Amino acid sequence: MVALIIFLVVFLLAVAVFYLTAEWKIYAKAGKPGWAIFIPIYNIIVFLEIVGKPWWWIFLLMIPFVNFVLLIILIHKLSLSFGKDAGFTVGLLFLSWLFIPILAFGSAKYVGPGGAPAVQPEA
């Protein structure tokens, strides 16, 4: 019994580290600091920047039922930000354990907040 518990703990820690690595990679692809995923509240603000929404949406995410709708919108904006379509959004919603690593480690490139082309500074 103890061996099973140890196995489960090690397995869950490995899954958590893999998922955090995937999130870090997504932030890095978007040109944001990957370490931001470890800072509560700040990680949401950075995520809102990645998808092209204002920082004050964090307050809207605290409203019950509104947050559910906004999270779907934000996930769709994340999908668009990496050049993906609505089908990928559905995958992120229902199979996030599979689609987050695909987004992080796959060939997807960050195209800009919410799918808008990123503005390149002039040299």
PDB file of N, CA and C in Angstrom:
ATOM      1  N   MET A   1       0.817  -1.200   0.000  1.00  0.00           N
ATOM      2  CA  MET A   1       0.000   0.000   0.000  1.00  0.00           C
ATOM      3  C   MET A   1       0.861   1.266   0.000  1.00  0.00           C
ATOM      4  N   VAL A   2       1.922   1.247   0.788  1.00  0.00           N
ATOM      5  CA  VAL A   2       2.812   2.399   0.857  1.00  0.00           C
ATOM      6  C   VAL A   2       3.493   2.620  -0.495  1.00  0.00           C
ATOM      7  N   ALA A   3       3.867   1.525  -1.140  1.00  0.00           N
ATOM      8  CA  ALA A   3       4.514   1.642  -2.452  1.00  0.00           C
ATOM      9  C   ALA A   3       3.572   2.288  -3.474  1.00  0.00           C
ATOM     10  N   LEU A   4       2.301   1.951  -3.409  1.00  0.00           N
ATOM     11  CA  LEU A   4       1.321   2.540  -4.326  1.00  0.00           C
ATOM     12  C   LEU A   4       1.178   4.038  -4.078  1.00  0.00           C
ATOM     13  N   ILE A   5       1.140   4.439  -2.825  1.00  0.00           N
ATOM     14  CA  ILE A   5       1.029   5.857  -2.486  1.00  0.00           C
ATOM     15  C   ILE A   5       2.271   6.609  -2.955  1.00  0.00           C
ATOM     16  N   ILE A   6       3.449   6.035  -2.741  1.00  0.00           N
ATOM     17  CA  ILE A   6       4.681   6.676  -3.190  1.00  0.00           C
ATOM     18  C   ILE A   6       4.683   6.799  -4.708  1.00  0.00           C
ATOM     19  N   PHE A   7       4.266   5.739  -5.402  1.00  0.00           N
ATOM     20  CA  PHE A   7       4.195   5.792  -6.859  1.00  0.00           C
ATOM     21  C   PHE A   7       3.256   6.896  -7.323  1.00  0.00           C
ATOM     22  N   LEU A   8       2.078   6.998  -6.703  1.00  0.00           N
ATOM     23  CA  LEU A   8       1.114   8.024  -7.088  1.00  0.00           C
ATOM     24  C   LEU A   8       1.651   9.429  -6.850  1.00  0.00           C
ATOM     25  N   VAL A   9       2.321   9.629  -5.735  1.00  0.00           N
ATOM     26  CA  VAL A   9       2.890  10.945  -5.432  1.00  0.00           C
ATOM     27  C   VAL A   9       3.966  11.307  -6.444  1.00  0.00           C
ATOM     28  N   VAL A  10       4.849  10.371  -6.748  1.00  0.00           N
ATOM     29  CA  VAL A  10       5.916  10.626  -7.714  1.00  0.00           C
ATOM     30  C   VAL A  10       5.312  10.883  -9.101  1.00  0.00           C
ATOM     31  N   PHE A  11       4.314  10.090  -9.480  1.00  0.00           N
ATOM     32  CA  PHE A  11       3.665  10.264 -10.773  1.00  0.00           C
ATOM     33  C   PHE A  11       3.001  11.637 -10.876  1.00  0.00           C
ATOM     34  N   LEU A  12       2.267  12.027  -9.843  1.00  0.00           N
ATOM     35  CA  LEU A  12       1.591  13.325  -9.862  1.00  0.00           C
ATOM     36  C   LEU A  12       2.587  14.482  -9.865  1.00  0.00           C
ATOM     37  N   LEU A  13       3.692  14.344  -9.156  1.00  0.00           N
ATOM     38  CA  LEU A  13       4.732  15.373  -9.196  1.00  0.00           C
ATOM     39  C   LEU A  13       5.345  15.478 -10.589  1.00  0.00           C
ATOM     40  N   ALA A  14       5.568  14.344 -11.243  1.00  0.00           N
ATOM     41  CA  ALA A  14       6.117  14.357 -12.598  1.00  0.00           C
ATOM     42  C   ALA A  14       5.144  15.020 -13.567  1.00  0.00           C
ATOM     43  N   VAL A  15       3.863  14.735 -13.428  1.00  0.00           N
ATOM     44  CA  VAL A  15       2.851  15.358 -14.282  1.00  0.00           C
ATOM     45  C   VAL A  15       2.818  16.866 -14.034  1.00  0.00           C
ATOM     46  N   ALA A  16       2.893  17.282 -12.780  1.00  0.00           N
ATOM     47  CA  ALA A  16       2.876  18.704 -12.439  1.00  0.00           C
ATOM     48  C   ALA A  16       4.100  19.418 -13.029  1.00  0.00           C
ATOM     49  N   VAL A  17       5.264  18.826 -12.919  1.00  0.00           N
ATOM     50  CA  VAL A  17       6.484  19.428 -13.467  1.00  0.00           C
ATOM     51  C   VAL A  17       6.377  19.526 -14.991  1.00  0.00           C
ATOM     52  N   PHE A  18       5.852  18.486 -15.632  1.00  0.00           N
ATOM     53  CA  PHE A  18       5.685  18.514 -17.086  1.00  0.00           C
ATOM     54  C   PHE A  18       4.719  19.619 -17.494  1.00  0.00           C
ATOM     55  N   TYR A  19       3.605  19.736 -16.784  1.00  0.00           N
ATOM     56  CA  TYR A  19       2.608  20.757 -17.110  1.00  0.00           C
ATOM     57  C   TYR A  19       3.167  22.167 -16.883  1.00  0.00           C
ATOM     58  N   LEU A  20       3.900  22.370 -15.785  1.00  0.00           N
ATOM     59  CA  LEU A  20       4.517  23.672 -15.526  1.00  0.00           C
ATOM     60  C   LEU A  20       5.560  24.016 -16.590  1.00  0.00           C
ATOM     61  N   THR A  21       6.296  23.014 -17.043  1.00  0.00           N
ATOM     62  CA  THR A  21       7.269  23.231 -18.116  1.00  0.00           C
ATOM     63  C   THR A  21       6.559  23.653 -19.402  1.00  0.00           C
ATOM     64  N   ALA A  22       5.425  23.025 -19.682  1.00  0.00           N
ATOM     65  CA  ALA A  22       4.649  23.380 -20.873  1.00  0.00           C
ATOM     66  C   ALA A  22       4.131  24.815 -20.771  1.00  0.00           C
ATOM     67  N   GLU A  23       3.623  25.184 -19.616  1.00  0.00           N
ATOM     68  CA  GLU A  23       3.139  26.556 -19.417  1.00  0.00           C
ATOM     69  C   GLU A  23       4.290  27.558 -19.570  1.00  0.00           C
ATOM     70  N   TRP A  24       5.431  27.241 -18.989  1.00  0.00           N
ATOM     71  CA  TRP A  24       6.617  28.095 -19.104  1.00  0.00           C
ATOM     72  C   TRP A  24       6.961  28.304 -20.576  1.00  0.00           C
ATOM     73  N   LYS A  25       6.939  27.235 -21.356  1.00  0.00           N
ATOM     74  CA  LYS A  25       7.275  27.298 -22.775  1.00  0.00           C
ATOM     75  C   LYS A  25       6.273  28.161 -23.543  1.00  0.00           C
ATOM     76  N   ILE A  26       4.993  28.076 -23.198  1.00  0.00           N
ATOM     77  CA  ILE A  26       3.978  28.903 -23.859  1.00  0.00           C
ATOM     78  C   ILE A  26       4.243  30.378 -23.582  1.00  0.00           C
ATOM     79  N   TYR A  27       4.532  30.707 -22.331  1.00  0.00           N
ATOM     80  CA  TYR A  27       4.837  32.098 -21.989  1.00  0.00           C
ATOM     81  C   TYR A  27       6.085  32.562 -22.738  1.00  0.00           C
ATOM     82  N   ALA A  28       7.099  31.700 -22.797  1.00  0.00           N
ATOM     83  CA  ALA A  28       8.347  32.067 -23.478  1.00  0.00           C
ATOM     84  C   ALA A  28       8.112  32.272 -24.977  1.00  0.00           C
ATOM     85  N   LYS A  29       7.288  31.430 -25.602  1.00  0.00           N
ATOM     86  CA  LYS A  29       6.985  31.594 -27.027  1.00  0.00           C
ATOM     87  C   LYS A  29       6.306  32.930 -27.285  1.00  0.00           C
ATOM     88  N   ALA A  30       5.547  33.404 -26.299  1.00  0.00           N
ATOM     89  CA  ALA A  30       4.842  34.676 -26.444  1.00  0.00           C
ATOM     90  C   ALA A  30       5.724  35.864 -26.066  1.00  0.00           C
ATOM     91  N   GLY A  31       6.977  35.608 -25.736  1.00  0.00           N
ATOM     92  CA  GLY A  31       7.894  36.685 -25.396  1.00  0.00           C
ATOM     93  C   GLY A  31       7.740  37.204 -23.977  1.00  0.00           C
ATOM     94  N   LYS A  32       7.118  36.410 -23.133  1.00  0.00           N
ATOM     95  CA  LYS A  32       6.930  36.789 -21.725  1.00  0.00           C
ATOM     96  C   LYS A  32       7.839  35.929 -20.855  1.00  0.00           C
ATOM     97  N   PRO A  33       8.139  36.376 -19.636  1.00  0.00           N
ATOM     98  CA  PRO A  33       9.010  35.573 -18.773  1.00  0.00           C
ATOM     99  C   PRO A  33       8.302  34.298 -18.307  1.00  0.00           C
ATOM    100  N   GLY A  34       8.948  33.175 -18.512  1.00  0.00           N
ATOM    101  CA  GLY A  34       8.367  31.900 -18.113  1.00  0.00           C
ATOM    102  C   GLY A  34       8.178  31.765 -16.619  1.00  0.00           C
ATOM    103  N   TRP A  35       9.068  32.381 -15.841  1.00  0.00           N
ATOM    104  CA  TRP A  35       8.971  32.273 -14.382  1.00  0.00           C
ATOM    105  C   TRP A  35       7.693  32.904 -13.842  1.00  0.00           C
ATOM    106  N   ALA A  36       7.014  33.689 -14.664  1.00  0.00           N
ATOM    107  CA  ALA A  36       5.780  34.349 -14.222  1.00  0.00           C
ATOM    108  C   ALA A  36       4.694  33.348 -13.844  1.00  0.00           C
ATOM    109  N   ILE A  37       4.779  32.125 -14.344  1.00  0.00           N
ATOM    110  CA  ILE A  37       3.751  31.137 -14.019  1.00  0.00           C
ATOM    111  C   ILE A  37       3.745  30.784 -12.543  1.00  0.00           C
ATOM    112  N   PHE A  38       4.831  31.071 -11.837  1.00  0.00           N
ATOM    113  CA  PHE A  38       4.925  30.721 -10.419  1.00  0.00           C
ATOM    114  C   PHE A  38       4.427  31.820  -9.482  1.00  0.00           C
ATOM    115  N   ILE A  39       4.122  32.996 -10.005  1.00  0.00           N
ATOM    116  CA  ILE A  39       3.711  34.128  -9.170  1.00  0.00           C
ATOM    117  C   ILE A  39       2.191  34.278  -9.251  1.00  0.00           C
ATOM    118  N   PRO A  40       1.491  34.019  -8.147  1.00  0.00           N
ATOM    119  CA  PRO A  40       0.033  34.159  -8.180  1.00  0.00           C
ATOM    120  C   PRO A  40      -0.389  35.576  -8.568  1.00  0.00           C
ATOM    121  N   ILE A  41      -1.481  35.719  -9.221  1.00  0.00           N
ATOM    122  CA  ILE A  41      -2.069  36.954  -9.732  1.00  0.00           C
ATOM    123  C   ILE A  41      -1.248  37.492 -10.908  1.00  0.00           C
ATOM    124  N   TYR A  42       0.068  37.624 -10.732  1.00  0.00           N
ATOM    125  CA  TYR A  42       0.903  38.126 -11.813  1.00  0.00           C
ATOM    126  C   TYR A  42       0.826  37.204 -13.027  1.00  0.00           C
ATOM    127  N   ASN A  43       0.756  35.879 -12.792  1.00  0.00           N
ATOM    128  CA  ASN A  43       0.681  34.958 -13.920  1.00  0.00           C
ATOM    129  C   ASN A  43      -0.598  35.174 -14.733  1.00  0.00           C
ATOM    130  N   ILE A  44      -1.667  35.557 -14.078  1.00  0.00           N
ATOM    131  CA  ILE A  44      -2.914  35.833 -14.785  1.00  0.00           C
ATOM    132  C   ILE A  44      -2.794  37.134 -15.573  1.00  0.00           C
ATOM    133  N   ILE A  45      -2.154  38.122 -14.988  1.00  0.00           N
ATOM    134  CA  ILE A  45      -1.954  39.397 -15.687  1.00  0.00           C
ATOM    135  C   ILE A  45      -1.107  39.183 -16.941  1.00  0.00           C
ATOM    136  N   VAL A  46      -0.054  38.393 -16.837  1.00  0.00           N
ATOM    137  CA  VAL A  46       0.786  38.099 -18.000  1.00  0.00           C
ATOM    138  C   VAL A  46      -0.012  37.311 -19.032  1.00  0.00           C
ATOM    139  N   PHE A  47      -0.822  36.355 -18.589  1.00  0.00           N
ATOM    140  CA  PHE A  47      -1.665  35.594 -19.513  1.00  0.00           C
ATOM    141  C   PHE A  47      -2.627  36.528 -20.256  1.00  0.00           C
ATOM    142  N   LEU A  48      -3.207  37.488 -19.533  1.00  0.00           N
ATOM    143  CA  LEU A  48      -4.102  38.451 -20.171  1.00  0.00           C
ATOM    144  C   LEU A  48      -3.361  39.282 -21.223  1.00  0.00           C
ATOM    145  N   GLU A  49      -2.101  39.621 -20.959  1.00  0.00           N
ATOM    146  CA  GLU A  49      -1.291  40.336 -21.955  1.00  0.00           C
ATOM    147  C   GLU A  49      -1.065  39.470 -23.191  1.00  0.00           C
ATOM    148  N   ILE A  50      -0.804  38.184 -22.988  1.00  0.00           N
ATOM    149  CA  ILE A  50      -0.550  37.275 -24.101  1.00  0.00           C
ATOM    150  C   ILE A  50      -1.763  37.199 -25.022  1.00  0.00           C
ATOM    151  N   VAL A  51      -2.966  37.155 -24.432  1.00  0.00           N
ATOM    152  CA  VAL A  51      -4.177  37.008 -25.246  1.00  0.00           C
ATOM    153  C   VAL A  51      -4.780  38.344 -25.651  1.00  0.00           C
ATOM    154  N   GLY A  52      -4.173  39.448 -25.218  1.00  0.00           N
ATOM    155  CA  GLY A  52      -4.606  40.765 -25.671  1.00  0.00           C
ATOM    156  C   GLY A  52      -5.788  41.351 -24.926  1.00  0.00           C
ATOM    157  N   LYS A  53      -5.929  41.021 -23.674  1.00  0.00           N
ATOM    158  CA  LYS A  53      -7.010  41.579 -22.856  1.00  0.00           C
ATOM    159  C   LYS A  53      -6.409  42.477 -21.770  1.00  0.00           C
ATOM    160  N   PRO A  54      -7.167  43.488 -21.329  1.00  0.00           N
ATOM    161  CA  PRO A  54      -6.631  44.405 -20.312  1.00  0.00           C
ATOM    162  C   PRO A  54      -6.493  43.718 -18.947  1.00  0.00           C
ATOM    163  N   TRP A  55      -5.581  44.259 -18.143  1.00  0.00           N
ATOM    164  CA  TRP A  55      -5.279  43.666 -16.838  1.00  0.00           C
ATOM    165  C   TRP A  55      -6.482  43.641 -15.909  1.00  0.00           C
ATOM    166  N   TRP A  56      -7.399  44.599 -16.059  1.00  0.00           N
ATOM    167  CA  TRP A  56      -8.528  44.667 -15.135  1.00  0.00           C
ATOM    168  C   TRP A  56      -9.534  43.539 -15.333  1.00  0.00           C
ATOM    169  N   TRP A  57      -9.382  42.744 -16.388  1.00  0.00           N
ATOM    170  CA  TRP A  57     -10.234  41.552 -16.556  1.00  0.00           C
ATOM    171  C   TRP A  57     -10.049  40.586 -15.401  1.00  0.00           C
ATOM    172  N   ILE A  58      -8.947  40.720 -14.675  1.00  0.00           N
ATOM    173  CA  ILE A  58      -8.726  39.846 -13.523  1.00  0.00           C
ATOM    174  C   ILE A  58      -9.866  39.997 -12.511  1.00  0.00           C
ATOM    175  N   PHE A  59     -10.429  41.188 -12.420  1.00  0.00           N
ATOM    176  CA  PHE A  59     -11.561  41.408 -11.511  1.00  0.00           C
ATOM    177  C   PHE A  59     -12.827  40.740 -12.038  1.00  0.00           C
ATOM    178  N   LEU A  60     -13.000  40.747 -13.342  1.00  0.00           N
ATOM    179  CA  LEU A  60     -14.156  40.070 -13.936  1.00  0.00           C
ATOM    180  C   LEU A  60     -14.079  38.561 -13.722  1.00  0.00           C
ATOM    181  N   LEU A  61     -12.851  38.038 -13.674  1.00  0.00           N
ATOM    182  CA  LEU A  61     -12.674  36.609 -13.455  1.00  0.00           C
ATOM    183  C   LEU A  61     -13.051  36.180 -12.044  1.00  0.00           C
ATOM    184  N   MET A  62     -13.277  37.122 -11.161  1.00  0.00           N
ATOM    185  CA  MET A  62     -13.688  36.807  -9.790  1.00  0.00           C
ATOM    186  C   MET A  62     -15.205  36.716  -9.637  1.00  0.00           C
ATOM    187  N   ILE A  63     -15.941  37.040 -10.677  1.00  0.00           N
ATOM    188  CA  ILE A  63     -17.405  37.030 -10.616  1.00  0.00           C
ATOM    189  C   ILE A  63     -17.906  35.649 -11.024  1.00  0.00           C
ATOM    190  N   PRO A  64     -18.664  34.980 -10.138  1.00  0.00           N
ATOM    191  CA  PRO A  64     -19.178  33.650 -10.473  1.00  0.00           C
ATOM    192  C   PRO A  64     -20.020  33.680 -11.756  1.00  0.00           C
ATOM    193  N   PHE A  65     -19.932  32.625 -12.521  1.00  0.00           N
ATOM    194  CA  PHE A  65     -20.609  32.409 -13.795  1.00  0.00           C
ATOM    195  C   PHE A  65     -20.028  33.286 -14.908  1.00  0.00           C
ATOM    196  N   VAL A  66     -19.709  34.529 -14.616  1.00  0.00           N
ATOM    197  CA  VAL A  66     -19.051  35.387 -15.609  1.00  0.00           C
ATOM    198  C   VAL A  66     -17.669  34.817 -15.907  1.00  0.00           C
ATOM    199  N   ASN A  67     -16.996  34.350 -14.858  1.00  0.00           N
ATOM    200  CA  ASN A  67     -15.655  33.813 -15.037  1.00  0.00           C
ATOM    201  C   ASN A  67     -15.656  32.593 -15.962  1.00  0.00           C
ATOM    202  N   PHE A  68     -16.697  31.792 -15.918  1.00  0.00           N
ATOM    203  CA  PHE A  68     -16.780  30.618 -16.783  1.00  0.00           C
ATOM    204  C   PHE A  68     -16.804  31.031 -18.255  1.00  0.00           C
ATOM    205  N   VAL A  69     -17.629  32.012 -18.569  1.00  0.00           N
ATOM    206  CA  VAL A  69     -17.727  32.503 -19.947  1.00  0.00           C
ATOM    207  C   VAL A  69     -16.412  33.165 -20.369  1.00  0.00           C
ATOM    208  N   LEU A  70     -15.846  33.975 -19.485  1.00  0.00           N
ATOM    209  CA  LEU A  70     -14.592  34.666 -19.817  1.00  0.00           C
ATOM    210  C   LEU A  70     -13.440  33.686 -20.015  1.00  0.00           C
ATOM    211  N   LEU A  71     -13.411  32.615 -19.242  1.00  0.00           N
ATOM    212  CA  LEU A  71     -12.340  31.633 -19.422  1.00  0.00           C
ATOM    213  C   LEU A  71     -12.423  30.969 -20.791  1.00  0.00           C
ATOM    214  N   ILE A  72     -13.626  30.710 -21.269  1.00  0.00           N
ATOM    215  CA  ILE A  72     -13.781  30.151 -22.608  1.00  0.00           C
ATOM    216  C   ILE A  72     -13.270  31.153 -23.649  1.00  0.00           C
ATOM    217  N   ILE A  73     -13.619  32.418 -23.461  1.00  0.00           N
ATOM    218  CA  ILE A  73     -13.148  33.467 -24.377  1.00  0.00           C
ATOM    219  C   ILE A  73     -11.622  33.562 -24.337  1.00  0.00           C
ATOM    220  N   LEU A  74     -11.046  33.529 -23.146  1.00  0.00           N
ATOM    221  CA  LEU A  74      -9.591  33.638 -23.012  1.00  0.00           C
ATOM    222  C   LEU A  74      -8.883  32.446 -23.628  1.00  0.00           C
ATOM    223  N   ILE A  75      -9.433  31.260 -23.471  1.00  0.00           N
ATOM    224  CA  ILE A  75      -8.817  30.085 -24.077  1.00  0.00           C
ATOM    225  C   ILE A  75      -8.892  30.179 -25.604  1.00  0.00           C
ATOM    226  N   HIS A  76     -10.001  30.686 -26.106  1.00  0.00           N
ATOM    227  CA  HIS A  76     -10.105  30.874 -27.557  1.00  0.00           C
ATOM    228  C   HIS A  76      -9.092  31.918 -28.035  1.00  0.00           C
ATOM    229  N   LYS A  77      -8.931  32.992 -27.273  1.00  0.00           N
ATOM    230  CA  LYS A  77      -7.945  34.016 -27.633  1.00  0.00           C
ATOM    231  C   LYS A  77      -6.521  33.446 -27.582  1.00  0.00           C
ATOM    232  N   LEU A  78      -6.265  32.548 -26.626  1.00  0.00           N
ATOM    233  CA  LEU A  78      -4.951  31.895 -26.570  1.00  0.00           C
ATOM    234  C   LEU A  78      -4.727  31.079 -27.833  1.00  0.00           C
ATOM    235  N   SER A  79      -5.739  30.353 -28.227  1.00  0.00           N
ATOM    236  CA  SER A  79      -5.657  29.562 -29.454  1.00  0.00           C
ATOM    237  C   SER A  79      -5.374  30.456 -30.662  1.00  0.00           C
ATOM    238  N   LEU A  80      -6.102  31.553 -30.775  1.00  0.00           N
ATOM    239  CA  LEU A  80      -5.888  32.491 -31.882  1.00  0.00           C
ATOM    240  C   LEU A  80      -4.510  33.138 -31.817  1.00  0.00           C
ATOM    241  N   SER A  81      -4.031  33.392 -30.614  1.00  0.00           N
ATOM    242  CA  SER A  81      -2.720  34.030 -30.441  1.00  0.00           C
ATOM    243  C   SER A  81      -1.590  33.178 -31.000  1.00  0.00           C
ATOM    244  N   PHE A  82      -1.817  31.882 -31.092  1.00  0.00           N
ATOM    245  CA  PHE A  82      -0.808  30.993 -31.635  1.00  0.00           C
ATOM    246  C   PHE A  82      -1.185  30.466 -33.018  1.00  0.00           C
ATOM    247  N   GLY A  83      -2.103  31.179 -33.685  1.00  0.00           N
ATOM    248  CA  GLY A  83      -2.454  30.846 -35.054  1.00  0.00           C
ATOM    249  C   GLY A  83      -3.326  29.621 -35.209  1.00  0.00           C
ATOM    250  N   LYS A  84      -3.985  29.220 -34.158  1.00  0.00           N
ATOM    251  CA  LYS A  84      -4.862  28.047 -34.199  1.00  0.00           C
ATOM    252  C   LYS A  84      -6.307  28.499 -34.385  1.00  0.00           C
ATOM    253  N   ASP A  85      -7.190  27.540 -34.653  1.00  0.00           N
ATOM    254  CA  ASP A  85      -8.592  27.873 -34.912  1.00  0.00           C
ATOM    255  C   ASP A  85      -9.503  27.394 -33.780  1.00  0.00           C
ATOM    256  N   ALA A  86     -10.809  27.469 -34.037  1.00  0.00           N
ATOM    257  CA  ALA A  86     -11.793  27.098 -33.022  1.00  0.00           C
ATOM    258  C   ALA A  86     -11.702  25.619 -32.647  1.00  0.00           C
ATOM    259  N   GLY A  87     -11.309  24.776 -33.579  1.00  0.00           N
ATOM    260  CA  GLY A  87     -11.146  23.357 -33.267  1.00  0.00           C
ATOM    261  C   GLY A  87     -10.086  23.136 -32.205  1.00  0.00           C
ATOM    262  N   PHE A  88      -9.005  23.893 -32.275  1.00  0.00           N
ATOM    263  CA  PHE A  88      -7.954  23.788 -31.260  1.00  0.00           C
ATOM    264  C   PHE A  88      -8.462  24.307 -29.917  1.00  0.00           C
ATOM    265  N   THR A  89      -9.324  25.316 -29.971  1.00  0.00           N
ATOM    266  CA  THR A  89      -9.924  25.836 -28.738  1.00  0.00           C
ATOM    267  C   THR A  89     -10.739  24.749 -28.052  1.00  0.00           C
ATOM    268  N   VAL A  90     -11.522  24.020 -28.807  1.00  0.00           N
ATOM    269  CA  VAL A  90     -12.309  22.917 -28.239  1.00  0.00           C
ATOM    270  C   VAL A  90     -11.374  21.888 -27.610  1.00  0.00           C
ATOM    271  N   GLY A  91     -10.258  21.608 -28.285  1.00  0.00           N
ATOM    272  CA  GLY A  91      -9.273  20.694 -27.718  1.00  0.00           C
ATOM    273  C   GLY A  91      -8.691  21.214 -26.419  1.00  0.00           C
ATOM    274  N   LEU A  92      -8.377  22.506 -26.369  1.00  0.00           N
ATOM    275  CA  LEU A  92      -7.858  23.102 -25.134  1.00  0.00           C
ATOM    276  C   LEU A  92      -8.885  23.034 -24.005  1.00  0.00           C
ATOM    277  N   LEU A  93     -10.149  23.192 -24.352  1.00  0.00           N
ATOM    278  CA  LEU A  93     -11.198  23.172 -23.333  1.00  0.00           C
ATOM    279  C   LEU A  93     -11.419  21.781 -22.749  1.00  0.00           C
ATOM    280  N   PHE A  94     -11.459  20.767 -23.615  1.00  0.00           N
ATOM    281  CA  PHE A  94     -11.849  19.438 -23.165  1.00  0.00           C
ATOM    282  C   PHE A  94     -10.703  18.448 -22.999  1.00  0.00           C
ATOM    283  N   LEU A  95      -9.595  18.692 -23.638  1.00  0.00           N
ATOM    284  CA  LEU A  95      -8.427  17.818 -23.532  1.00  0.00           C
ATOM    285  C   LEU A  95      -7.173  18.643 -23.280  1.00  0.00           C
ATOM    286  N   SER A  96      -7.248  19.526 -22.297  1.00  0.00           N
ATOM    287  CA  SER A  96      -6.129  20.442 -22.048  1.00  0.00           C
ATOM    288  C   SER A  96      -4.851  19.688 -21.705  1.00  0.00           C
ATOM    289  N   TRP A  97      -4.956  18.544 -21.062  1.00  0.00           N
ATOM    290  CA  TRP A  97      -3.770  17.764 -20.712  1.00  0.00           C
ATOM    291  C   TRP A  97      -3.000  17.331 -21.956  1.00  0.00           C
ATOM    292  N   LEU A  98      -3.665  17.296 -23.113  1.00  0.00           N
ATOM    293  CA  LEU A  98      -3.021  16.935 -24.359  1.00  0.00           C
ATOM    294  C   LEU A  98      -2.672  18.158 -25.210  1.00  0.00           C
ATOM    295  N   PHE A  99      -3.564  19.141 -25.258  1.00  0.00           N
ATOM    296  CA  PHE A  99      -3.386  20.271 -26.160  1.00  0.00           C
ATOM    297  C   PHE A  99      -2.432  21.341 -25.622  1.00  0.00           C
ATOM    298  N   ILE A 100      -2.310  21.481 -24.313  1.00  0.00           N
ATOM    299  CA  ILE A 100      -1.324  22.432 -23.763  1.00  0.00           C
ATOM    300  C   ILE A 100       0.094  22.020 -24.170  1.00  0.00           C
ATOM    301  N   PRO A 101       0.490  20.746 -24.004  1.00  0.00           N
ATOM    302  CA  PRO A 101       1.827  20.364 -24.478  1.00  0.00           C
ATOM    303  C   PRO A 101       1.997  20.489 -25.994  1.00  0.00           C
ATOM    304  N   ILE A 102       0.925  20.236 -26.758  1.00  0.00           N
ATOM    305  CA  ILE A 102       1.015  20.411 -28.209  1.00  0.00           C
ATOM    306  C   ILE A 102       1.311  21.874 -28.527  1.00  0.00           C
ATOM    307  N   LEU A 103       0.628  22.780 -27.842  1.00  0.00           N
ATOM    308  CA  LEU A 103       0.848  24.204 -28.052  1.00  0.00           C
ATOM    309  C   LEU A 103       2.262  24.596 -27.627  1.00  0.00           C
ATOM    310  N   ALA A 104       2.722  24.047 -26.512  1.00  0.00           N
ATOM    311  CA  ALA A 104       4.027  24.428 -25.970  1.00  0.00           C
ATOM    312  C   ALA A 104       5.187  23.855 -26.773  1.00  0.00           C
ATOM    313  N   PHE A 105       5.124  22.574 -27.070  1.00  0.00           N
ATOM    314  CA  PHE A 105       6.282  21.902 -27.663  1.00  0.00           C
ATOM    315  C   PHE A 105       6.139  21.683 -29.165  1.00  0.00           C
ATOM    316  N   GLY A 106       4.986  22.023 -29.715  1.00  0.00           N
ATOM    317  CA  GLY A 106       4.763  21.868 -31.150  1.00  0.00           C
ATOM    318  C   GLY A 106       5.333  23.028 -31.939  1.00  0.00           C
ATOM    319  N   SER A 107       4.925  23.101 -33.191  1.00  0.00           N
ATOM    320  CA  SER A 107       5.471  24.111 -34.100  1.00  0.00           C
ATOM    321  C   SER A 107       4.703  25.428 -34.068  1.00  0.00           C
ATOM    322  N   ALA A 108       3.731  25.567 -33.181  1.00  0.00           N
ATOM    323  CA  ALA A 108       2.927  26.792 -33.128  1.00  0.00           C
ATOM    324  C   ALA A 108       3.811  27.993 -32.786  1.00  0.00           C
ATOM    325  N   LYS A 109       3.579  29.074 -33.496  1.00  0.00           N
ATOM    326  CA  LYS A 109       4.310  30.331 -33.268  1.00  0.00           C
ATOM    327  C   LYS A 109       3.322  31.370 -32.751  1.00  0.00           C
ATOM    328  N   TYR A 110       3.804  32.215 -31.893  1.00  0.00           N
ATOM    329  CA  TYR A 110       2.988  33.306 -31.371  1.00  0.00           C
ATOM    330  C   TYR A 110       2.830  34.343 -32.474  1.00  0.00           C
ATOM    331  N   VAL A 111       1.580  34.628 -32.838  1.00  0.00           N
ATOM    332  CA  VAL A 111       1.333  35.581 -33.928  1.00  0.00           C
ATOM    333  C   VAL A 111       0.886  36.941 -33.419  1.00  0.00           C
ATOM    334  N   GLY A 112       0.629  37.049 -32.134  1.00  0.00           N
ATOM    335  CA  GLY A 112       0.210  38.321 -31.563  1.00  0.00           C
ATOM    336  C   GLY A 112      -0.985  38.127 -30.653  1.00  0.00           C
ATOM    337  N   PRO A 113      -1.275  39.121 -29.834  1.00  0.00           N
ATOM    338  CA  PRO A 113      -2.386  39.000 -28.891  1.00  0.00           C
ATOM    339  C   PRO A 113      -3.712  38.759 -29.608  1.00  0.00           C
ATOM    340  N   GLY A 114      -4.358  37.671 -29.261  1.00  0.00           N
ATOM    341  CA  GLY A 114      -5.657  37.365 -29.842  1.00  0.00           C
ATOM    342  C   GLY A 114      -5.616  37.097 -31.332  1.00  0.00           C
ATOM    343  N   GLY A 115      -4.453  36.806 -31.875  1.00  0.00           N
ATOM    344  CA  GLY A 115      -4.324  36.511 -33.297  1.00  0.00           C
ATOM    345  C   GLY A 115      -3.932  37.698 -34.150  1.00  0.00           C
ATOM    346  N   ALA A 116      -3.901  38.892 -33.547  1.00  0.00           N
ATOM    347  CA  ALA A 116      -3.472  40.087 -34.294  1.00  0.00           C
ATOM    348  C   ALA A 116      -1.962  40.014 -34.491  1.00  0.00           C
ATOM    349  N   PRO A 117      -1.467  40.410 -35.630  1.00  0.00           N
ATOM    350  CA  PRO A 117      -0.020  40.389 -35.854  1.00  0.00           C
ATOM    351  C   PRO A 117       0.709  41.258 -34.831  1.00  0.00           C
ATOM    352  N   ALA A 118       1.773  40.714 -34.282  1.00  0.00           N
ATOM    353  CA  ALA A 118       2.574  41.459 -33.312  1.00  0.00           C
ATOM    354  C   ALA A 118       3.277  42.610 -34.017  1.00  0.00           C
ATOM    355  N   VAL A 119       3.302  43.769 -33.389  1.00  0.00           N
ATOM    356  CA  VAL A 119       3.949  44.944 -33.956  1.00  0.00           C
ATOM    357  C   VAL A 119       5.440  44.848 -33.659  1.00  0.00           C
ATOM    358  N   GLN A 120       6.236  44.916 -34.722  1.00  0.00           N
ATOM    359  CA  GLN A 120       7.675  44.853 -34.570  1.00  0.00           C
ATOM    360  C   GLN A 120       8.222  46.274 -34.440  1.00  0.00           C
ATOM    361  N   PRO A 121       9.037  46.523 -33.418  1.00  0.00           N
ATOM    362  CA  PRO A 121       9.614  47.865 -33.280  1.00  0.00           C
ATOM    363  C   PRO A 121      10.578  48.150 -34.429  1.00  0.00           C
ATOM    364  N   GLU A 122      10.553  49.380 -34.873  1.00  0.00           N
ATOM    365  CA  GLU A 122      11.449  49.775 -35.972  1.00  0.00           C
ATOM    366  C   GLU A 122      12.849  49.982 -35.432  1.00  0.00           C
ATOM    367  N   ALA A 123      13.815  49.584 -36.228  1.00  0.00           N
ATOM    368  CA  ALA A 123      15.217  49.660 -35.796  1.00  0.00           C
ATOM    369  C   ALA A 123      15.785  51.028 -36.048  1.00  0.00           C
TER     370      ALA A 123
END
